[in-house]
PDB file of N, CA and C in Angstrom:
ATOM      1  N   MET A   1       0.854  -1.168   0.000  1.00  0.00           N
ATOM      2  CA  MET A   1       0.000   0.000   0.000  1.00  0.00           C
ATOM      3  C   MET A   1       0.907   1.240   0.000  1.00  0.00           C
ATOM      4  N   ASP A   2       0.633   2.172  -0.898  1.00  0.00           N
ATOM      5  CA  ASP A   2       1.468   3.376  -0.915  1.00  0.00           C
ATOM      6  C   ASP A   2       1.059   4.343   0.196  1.00  0.00           C
ATOM      7  N   THR A   3       1.873   5.343   0.438  1.00  0.00           N
ATOM      8  CA  THR A   3       1.672   6.260   1.559  1.00  0.00           C
ATOM      9  C   THR A   3       0.342   6.994   1.484  1.00  0.00           C
ATOM     10  N   SER A   4      -0.008   7.503   0.316  1.00  0.00           N
ATOM     11  CA  SER A   4      -1.271   8.252   0.179  1.00  0.00           C
ATOM     12  C   SER A   4      -2.473   7.376   0.509  1.00  0.00           C
ATOM     13  N   THR A   5      -2.488   6.176  -0.019  1.00  0.00           N
ATOM     14  CA  THR A   5      -3.589   5.252   0.254  1.00  0.00           C
ATOM     15  C   THR A   5      -3.652   4.927   1.739  1.00  0.00           C
ATOM     16  N   HIS A   6      -2.514   4.749   2.348  1.00  0.00           N
ATOM     17  CA  HIS A   6      -2.438   4.427   3.768  1.00  0.00           C
ATOM     18  C   HIS A   6      -3.002   5.581   4.612  1.00  0.00           C
ATOM     19  N   VAL A   7      -2.602   6.801   4.294  1.00  0.00           N
ATOM     20  CA  VAL A   7      -3.074   7.972   5.036  1.00  0.00           C
ATOM     21  C   VAL A   7      -4.583   8.151   4.865  1.00  0.00           C
ATOM     22  N   ILE A   8      -5.074   8.001   3.652  1.00  0.00           N
ATOM     23  CA  ILE A   8      -6.516   8.134   3.401  1.00  0.00           C
ATOM     24  C   ILE A   8      -7.288   7.051   4.152  1.00  0.00           C
ATOM     25  N   SER A   9      -6.781   5.833   4.136  1.00  0.00           N
ATOM     26  CA  SER A   9      -7.446   4.734   4.850  1.00  0.00           C
ATOM     27  C   SER A   9      -7.539   5.016   6.342  1.00  0.00           C
ATOM     28  N   TRP A  10      -6.452   5.506   6.933  1.00  0.00           N
ATOM     29  CA  TRP A  10      -6.474   5.842   8.361  1.00  0.00           C
ATOM     30  C   TRP A  10      -7.423   7.001   8.638  1.00  0.00           C
ATOM     31  N   GLY A  11      -7.436   7.989   7.743  1.00  0.00           N
ATOM     32  CA  GLY A  11      -8.355   9.112   7.911  1.00  0.00           C
ATOM     33  C   GLY A  11      -9.805   8.662   7.919  1.00  0.00           C
ATOM     34  N   ILE A  12     -10.149   7.788   6.997  1.00  0.00           N
ATOM     35  CA  ILE A  12     -11.518   7.253   6.939  1.00  0.00           C
ATOM     36  C   ILE A  12     -11.819   6.453   8.202  1.00  0.00           C
ATOM     37  N   LEU A  13     -10.860   5.676   8.657  1.00  0.00           N
ATOM     38  CA  LEU A  13     -11.042   4.893   9.874  1.00  0.00           C
ATOM     39  C   LEU A  13     -11.302   5.792  11.076  1.00  0.00           C
ATOM     40  N   TYR A  14     -10.526   6.866  11.216  1.00  0.00           N
ATOM     41  CA  TYR A  14     -10.745   7.812  12.314  1.00  0.00           C
ATOM     42  C   TYR A  14     -12.146   8.416  12.247  1.00  0.00           C
ATOM     43  N   ILE A  15     -12.564   8.809  11.060  1.00  0.00           N
ATOM     44  CA  ILE A  15     -13.900   9.409  10.906  1.00  0.00           C
ATOM     45  C   ILE A  15     -14.985   8.397  11.265  1.00  0.00           C
ATOM     46  N   LEU A  16     -14.817   7.147  10.853  1.00  0.00           N
ATOM     47  CA  LEU A  16     -15.800   6.112  11.184  1.00  0.00           C
ATOM     48  C   LEU A  16     -15.898   5.882  12.690  1.00  0.00           C
ATOM     49  N   HIS A  17     -14.803   6.043  13.390  1.00  0.00           N
ATOM     50  CA  HIS A  17     -14.804   5.847  14.842  1.00  0.00           C
ATOM     51  C   HIS A  17     -15.220   7.100  15.611  1.00  0.00           C
ATOM     52  N   HIS A  18     -15.460   8.174  14.900  1.00  0.00           N
ATOM     53  CA  HIS A  18     -15.888   9.428  15.519  1.00  0.00           C
ATOM     54  C   HIS A  18     -17.095   9.977  14.741  1.00  0.00           C
ATOM     55  N   PRO A  19     -18.268   9.383  14.961  1.00  0.00           N
ATOM     56  CA  PRO A  19     -19.445   9.775  14.183  1.00  0.00           C
ATOM     57  C   PRO A  19     -19.819  11.249  14.328  1.00  0.00           C
ATOM     58  N   GLU A  20     -19.460  11.874  15.449  1.00  0.00           N
ATOM     59  CA  GLU A  20     -19.761  13.297  15.611  1.00  0.00           C
ATOM     60  C   GLU A  20     -18.957  14.135  14.615  1.00  0.00           C
ATOM     61  N   VAL A  21     -17.750  13.680  14.277  1.00  0.00           N
ATOM     62  CA  VAL A  21     -16.930  14.366  13.275  1.00  0.00           C
ATOM     63  C   VAL A  21     -17.555  14.180  11.891  1.00  0.00           C
ATOM     64  N   ALA A  22     -17.968  12.957  11.587  1.00  0.00           N
ATOM     65  CA  ALA A  22     -18.621  12.692  10.297  1.00  0.00           C
ATOM     66  C   ALA A  22     -19.885  13.537  10.149  1.00  0.00           C
ATOM     67  N   ARG A  23     -20.638  13.662  11.234  1.00  0.00           N
ATOM     68  CA  ARG A  23     -21.871  14.465  11.208  1.00  0.00           C
ATOM     69  C   ARG A  23     -21.557  15.927  10.922  1.00  0.00           C
ATOM     70  N   ARG A  24     -20.530  16.464  11.587  1.00  0.00           N
ATOM     71  CA  ARG A  24     -20.169  17.874  11.376  1.00  0.00           C
ATOM     72  C   ARG A  24     -19.661  18.124   9.960  1.00  0.00           C
ATOM     73  N   ILE A  25     -18.917  17.171   9.398  1.00  0.00           N
ATOM     74  CA  ILE A  25     -18.464  17.301   8.004  1.00  0.00           C
ATOM     75  C   ILE A  25     -19.678  17.347   7.081  1.00  0.00           C
ATOM     76  N   ARG A  26     -20.600  16.413   7.294  1.00  0.00           N
ATOM     77  CA  ARG A  26     -21.802  16.341   6.455  1.00  0.00           C
ATOM     78  C   ARG A  26     -22.619  17.629   6.559  1.00  0.00           C
ATOM     79  N   GLU A  27     -22.797  18.138   7.769  1.00  0.00           N
ATOM     80  CA  GLU A  27     -23.550  19.375   7.965  1.00  0.00           C
ATOM     81  C   GLU A  27     -22.875  20.547   7.258  1.00  0.00           C
ATOM     82  N   GLU A  28     -21.548  20.617   7.370  1.00  0.00           N
ATOM     83  CA  GLU A  28     -20.834  21.704   6.716  1.00  0.00           C
ATOM     84  C   GLU A  28     -20.968  21.606   5.197  1.00  0.00           C
ATOM     85  N   LEU A  29     -20.811  20.404   4.660  1.00  0.00           N
ATOM     86  CA  LEU A  29     -20.955  20.226   3.214  1.00  0.00           C
ATOM     87  C   LEU A  29     -22.366  20.574   2.754  1.00  0.00           C
ATOM     88  N   ASP A  30     -23.360  20.119   3.506  1.00  0.00           N
ATOM     89  CA  ASP A  30     -24.754  20.406   3.136  1.00  0.00           C
ATOM     90  C   ASP A  30     -25.055  21.897   3.161  1.00  0.00           C
ATOM     91  N   SER A  31     -24.471  22.620   4.120  1.00  0.00           N
ATOM     92  CA  SER A  31     -24.786  24.041   4.243  1.00  0.00           C
ATOM     93  C   SER A  31     -23.960  24.927   3.300  1.00  0.00           C
ATOM     94  N   LYS A  32     -22.782  24.490   2.911  1.00  0.00           N
ATOM     95  CA  LYS A  32     -21.896  25.337   2.104  1.00  0.00           C
ATOM     96  C   LYS A  32     -21.844  24.975   0.624  1.00  0.00           C
ATOM     97  N   ILE A  33     -22.146  23.731   0.289  1.00  0.00           N
ATOM     98  CA  ILE A  33     -22.089  23.280  -1.105  1.00  0.00           C
ATOM     99  C   ILE A  33     -23.513  23.094  -1.604  1.00  0.00           C
ATOM    100  N   CYS A  34     -23.901  23.874  -2.584  1.00  0.00           N
ATOM    101  CA  CYS A  34     -25.279  23.838  -3.086  1.00  0.00           C
ATOM    102  C   CYS A  34     -25.467  22.684  -4.059  1.00  0.00           C
ATOM    103  N   GLY A  35     -26.526  21.928  -3.852  1.00  0.00           N
ATOM    104  CA  GLY A  35     -26.870  20.850  -4.770  1.00  0.00           C
ATOM    105  C   GLY A  35     -25.966  19.644  -4.649  1.00  0.00           C
ATOM    106  N   ASP A  36     -25.972  18.840  -5.697  1.00  0.00           N
ATOM    107  CA  ASP A  36     -25.204  17.597  -5.714  1.00  0.00           C
ATOM    108  C   ASP A  36     -23.903  17.734  -6.498  1.00  0.00           C
ATOM    109  N   ARG A  37     -23.343  18.920  -6.514  1.00  0.00           N
ATOM    110  CA  ARG A  37     -22.118  19.111  -7.293  1.00  0.00           C
ATOM    111  C   ARG A  37     -20.894  18.578  -6.547  1.00  0.00           C
ATOM    112  N   ILE A  38     -19.824  18.404  -7.269  1.00  0.00           N
ATOM    113  CA  ILE A  38     -18.565  17.926  -6.704  1.00  0.00           C
ATOM    114  C   ILE A  38     -17.866  19.087  -5.998  1.00  0.00           C
ATOM    115  N   VAL A  39     -17.283  18.814  -4.855  1.00  0.00           N
ATOM    116  CA  VAL A  39     -16.510  19.811  -4.121  1.00  0.00           C
ATOM    117  C   VAL A  39     -15.213  20.054  -4.888  1.00  0.00           C
ATOM    118  N   THR A  40     -14.842  21.334  -5.031  1.00  0.00           N
ATOM    119  CA  THR A  40     -13.625  21.688  -5.758  1.00  0.00           C
ATOM    120  C   THR A  40     -12.673  22.449  -4.838  1.00  0.00           C
ATOM    121  N   LEU A  41     -11.483  22.698  -5.316  1.00  0.00           N
ATOM    122  CA  LEU A  41     -10.499  23.458  -4.561  1.00  0.00           C
ATOM    123  C   LEU A  41     -11.003  24.873  -4.262  1.00  0.00           C
ATOM    124  N   ASP A  42     -11.846  25.412  -5.122  1.00  0.00           N
ATOM    125  CA  ASP A  42     -12.433  26.738  -4.881  1.00  0.00           C
ATOM    126  C   ASP A  42     -13.288  26.773  -3.618  1.00  0.00           C
ATOM    127  N   ASP A  43     -13.741  25.617  -3.150  1.00  0.00           N
ATOM    128  CA  ASP A  43     -14.580  25.523  -1.954  1.00  0.00           C
ATOM    129  C   ASP A  43     -13.769  25.468  -0.662  1.00  0.00           C
ATOM    130  N   LYS A  44     -12.467  25.361  -0.765  1.00  0.00           N
ATOM    131  CA  LYS A  44     -11.620  25.133   0.412  1.00  0.00           C
ATOM    132  C   LYS A  44     -11.881  26.128   1.544  1.00  0.00           C
ATOM    133  N   ASN A  45     -11.932  27.398   1.246  1.00  0.00           N
ATOM    134  CA  ASN A  45     -12.115  28.404   2.294  1.00  0.00           C
ATOM    135  C   ASN A  45     -13.517  28.401   2.893  1.00  0.00           C
ATOM    136  N   LYS A  46     -14.460  27.764   2.223  1.00  0.00           N
ATOM    137  CA  LYS A  46     -15.828  27.673   2.745  1.00  0.00           C
ATOM    138  C   LYS A  46     -16.007  26.492   3.697  1.00  0.00           C
ATOM    139  N   LEU A  47     -15.006  25.629   3.780  1.00  0.00           N
ATOM    140  CA  LEU A  47     -15.120  24.374   4.526  1.00  0.00           C
ATOM    141  C   LEU A  47     -14.046  24.257   5.610  1.00  0.00           C
ATOM    142  N   PRO A  48     -14.061  25.146   6.610  1.00  0.00           N
ATOM    143  CA  PRO A  48     -12.992  25.114   7.608  1.00  0.00           C
ATOM    144  C   PRO A  48     -12.951  23.838   8.433  1.00  0.00           C
ATOM    145  N   TYR A  49     -14.108  23.289   8.812  1.00  0.00           N
ATOM    146  CA  TYR A  49     -14.088  22.074   9.633  1.00  0.00           C
ATOM    147  C   TYR A  49     -13.557  20.891   8.825  1.00  0.00           C
ATOM    148  N   THR A  50     -14.007  20.769   7.593  1.00  0.00           N
ATOM    149  CA  THR A  50     -13.533  19.679   6.739  1.00  0.00           C
ATOM    150  C   THR A  50     -12.028  19.791   6.536  1.00  0.00           C
ATOM    151  N   ASN A  51     -11.529  20.999   6.330  1.00  0.00           N
ATOM    152  CA  ASN A  51     -10.088  21.207   6.199  1.00  0.00           C
ATOM    153  C   ASN A  51      -9.359  20.826   7.481  1.00  0.00           C
ATOM    154  N   ALA A  52      -9.952  21.140   8.612  1.00  0.00           N
ATOM    155  CA  ALA A  52      -9.340  20.787   9.892  1.00  0.00           C
ATOM    156  C   ALA A  52      -9.234  19.272  10.042  1.00  0.00           C
ATOM    157  N   VAL A  53     -10.227  18.556   9.568  1.00  0.00           N
ATOM    158  CA  VAL A  53     -10.220  17.092   9.667  1.00  0.00           C
ATOM    159  C   VAL A  53      -9.099  16.489   8.820  1.00  0.00           C
ATOM    160  N   ILE A  54      -8.872  17.036   7.636  1.00  0.00           N
ATOM    161  CA  ILE A  54      -7.889  16.416   6.743  1.00  0.00           C
ATOM    162  C   ILE A  54      -6.467  16.901   6.982  1.00  0.00           C
ATOM    163  N   ASN A  55      -6.256  17.870   7.863  1.00  0.00           N
ATOM    164  CA  ASN A  55      -4.904  18.316   8.205  1.00  0.00           C
ATOM    165  C   ASN A  55      -4.190  17.250   9.023  1.00  0.00           C
ATOM    166  N   VAL A  56      -2.888  17.222   8.889  1.00  0.00           N
ATOM    167  CA  VAL A  56      -2.061  16.361   9.739  1.00  0.00           C
ATOM    168  C   VAL A  56      -2.011  17.031  11.102  1.00  0.00           C
ATOM    169  N   PHE A  57      -2.332  16.301  12.156  1.00  0.00           N
ATOM    170  CA  PHE A  57      -2.400  16.939  13.462  1.00  0.00           C
ATOM    171  C   PHE A  57      -1.172  16.673  14.308  1.00  0.00           C
ATOM    172  N   PRO A  58      -0.822  17.670  15.151  1.00  0.00           N
ATOM    173  CA  PRO A  58       0.383  17.577  15.953  1.00  0.00           C
ATOM    174  C   PRO A  58       0.373  16.459  16.998  1.00  0.00           C
ATOM    175  N   ASP A  59      -0.768  16.120  17.556  1.00  0.00           N
ATOM    176  CA  ASP A  59      -0.867  15.054  18.544  1.00  0.00           C
ATOM    177  C   ASP A  59      -1.631  13.897  17.910  1.00  0.00           C
ATOM    178  N   PRO A  60      -0.928  12.974  17.259  1.00  0.00           N
ATOM    179  CA  PRO A  60      -1.597  11.939  16.479  1.00  0.00           C
ATOM    180  C   PRO A  60      -2.435  10.957  17.294  1.00  0.00           C
ATOM    181  N   TYR A  61      -2.283  10.975  18.616  1.00  0.00           N
ATOM    182  CA  TYR A  61      -3.042  10.043  19.439  1.00  0.00           C
ATOM    183  C   TYR A  61      -4.398  10.585  19.845  1.00  0.00           C
ATOM    184  N   LYS A  62      -4.667  11.842  19.524  1.00  0.00           N
ATOM    185  CA  LYS A  62      -5.971  12.447  19.822  1.00  0.00           C
ATOM    186  C   LYS A  62      -6.570  12.953  18.525  1.00  0.00           C
ATOM    187  N   PHE A  63      -7.751  12.466  18.198  1.00  0.00           N
ATOM    188  CA  PHE A  63      -8.452  12.897  16.991  1.00  0.00           C
ATOM    189  C   PHE A  63      -9.339  14.073  17.370  1.00  0.00           C
ATOM    190  N   LYS A  64      -8.846  15.267  17.125  1.00  0.00           N
ATOM    191  CA  LYS A  64      -9.577  16.467  17.503  1.00  0.00           C
ATOM    192  C   LYS A  64      -9.415  17.529  16.414  1.00  0.00           C
ATOM    193  N   PRO A  65     -10.211  17.456  15.351  1.00  0.00           N
ATOM    194  CA  PRO A  65     -10.107  18.421  14.262  1.00  0.00           C
ATOM    195  C   PRO A  65     -10.303  19.868  14.710  1.00  0.00           C
ATOM    196  N   GLU A  66     -11.019  20.072  15.820  1.00  0.00           N
ATOM    197  CA  GLU A  66     -11.288  21.424  16.304  1.00  0.00           C
ATOM    198  C   GLU A  66     -10.004  22.196  16.608  1.00  0.00           C
ATOM    199  N   ARG A  67      -8.891  21.493  16.814  1.00  0.00           N
ATOM    200  CA  ARG A  67      -7.622  22.170  17.116  1.00  0.00           C
ATOM    201  C   ARG A  67      -7.188  23.093  15.982  1.00  0.00           C
ATOM    202  N   PHE A  68      -7.725  22.880  14.785  1.00  0.00           N
ATOM    203  CA  PHE A  68      -7.349  23.678  13.628  1.00  0.00           C
ATOM    204  C   PHE A  68      -8.306  24.840  13.367  1.00  0.00           C
ATOM    205  N   LEU A  69      -9.290  25.016  14.247  1.00  0.00           N
ATOM    206  CA  LEU A  69     -10.270  26.091  14.083  1.00  0.00           C
ATOM    207  C   LEU A  69     -10.053  27.156  15.140  1.00  0.00           C
ATOM    208  N   ASP A  70     -10.277  28.425  14.746  1.00  0.00           N
ATOM    209  CA  ASP A  70     -10.169  29.492  15.743  1.00  0.00           C
ATOM    210  C   ASP A  70     -11.480  29.600  16.517  1.00  0.00           C
ATOM    211  N   SER A  71     -11.575  30.578  17.394  1.00  0.00           N
ATOM    212  CA  SER A  71     -12.754  30.715  18.256  1.00  0.00           C
ATOM    213  C   SER A  71     -14.031  31.026  17.484  1.00  0.00           C
ATOM    214  N   GLU A  72     -13.890  31.474  16.231  1.00  0.00           N
ATOM    215  CA  GLU A  72     -15.061  31.775  15.399  1.00  0.00           C
ATOM    216  C   GLU A  72     -15.392  30.643  14.426  1.00  0.00           C
ATOM    217  N   GLY A  73     -14.662  29.535  14.509  1.00  0.00           N
ATOM    218  CA  GLY A  73     -14.930  28.383  13.648  1.00  0.00           C
ATOM    219  C   GLY A  73     -14.235  28.440  12.302  1.00  0.00           C
ATOM    220  N   ASN A  74     -13.311  29.379  12.116  1.00  0.00           N
ATOM    221  CA  ASN A  74     -12.559  29.483  10.866  1.00  0.00           C
ATOM    222  C   ASN A  74     -11.274  28.675  10.964  1.00  0.00           C
ATOM    223  N   LEU A  75     -10.836  28.163   9.814  1.00  0.00           N
ATOM    224  CA  LEU A  75      -9.610  27.383   9.779  1.00  0.00           C
ATOM    225  C   LEU A  75      -8.414  28.283  10.093  1.00  0.00           C
ATOM    226  N   LYS A  76      -7.586  27.847  11.047  1.00  0.00           N
ATOM    227  CA  LYS A  76      -6.381  28.596  11.394  1.00  0.00           C
ATOM    228  C   LYS A  76      -5.354  28.493  10.267  1.00  0.00           C
ATOM    229  N   LYS A  77      -4.539  29.497  10.152  1.00  0.00           N
ATOM    230  CA  LYS A  77      -3.411  29.429   9.223  1.00  0.00           C
ATOM    231  C   LYS A  77      -2.414  28.438   9.807  1.00  0.00           C
ATOM    232  N   ILE A  78      -1.657  27.787   8.955  1.00  0.00           N
ATOM    233  CA  ILE A  78      -0.737  26.750   9.393  1.00  0.00           C
ATOM    234  C   ILE A  78       0.193  27.237  10.497  1.00  0.00           C
ATOM    235  N   GLU A  79       0.710  28.478  10.413  1.00  0.00           N
ATOM    236  CA  GLU A  79       1.613  28.961  11.435  1.00  0.00           C
ATOM    237  C   GLU A  79       0.927  29.155  12.782  1.00  0.00           C
ATOM    238  N   GLU A  80      -0.418  29.218  12.819  1.00  0.00           N
ATOM    239  CA  GLU A  80      -1.161  29.366  14.068  1.00  0.00           C
ATOM    240  C   GLU A  80      -1.313  28.034  14.790  1.00  0.00           C
ATOM    241  N   VAL A  81      -1.262  26.930  14.050  1.00  0.00           N
ATOM    242  CA  VAL A  81      -1.459  25.598  14.598  1.00  0.00           C
ATOM    243  C   VAL A  81      -0.241  25.195  15.295  1.00  0.00           C
TER     244      VAL A  81
END
């Protein structure tokens, strides 16, 4: 298994074990992406929680995507994390 596939598999596994995270991703996608269209790179800034989930986190033993969000729910810049 190559590295990308391995990382994606672990990411999916973490999300499956944390249904509250999956719910928040779904809610964010439903509220920010209109219709059944495909999410594009142009949507990145509209999806701070989803971006927080897919970031590599500093404490790999704790799955807490919220660490990448500021107090207003916006995605922190990398240097802030």
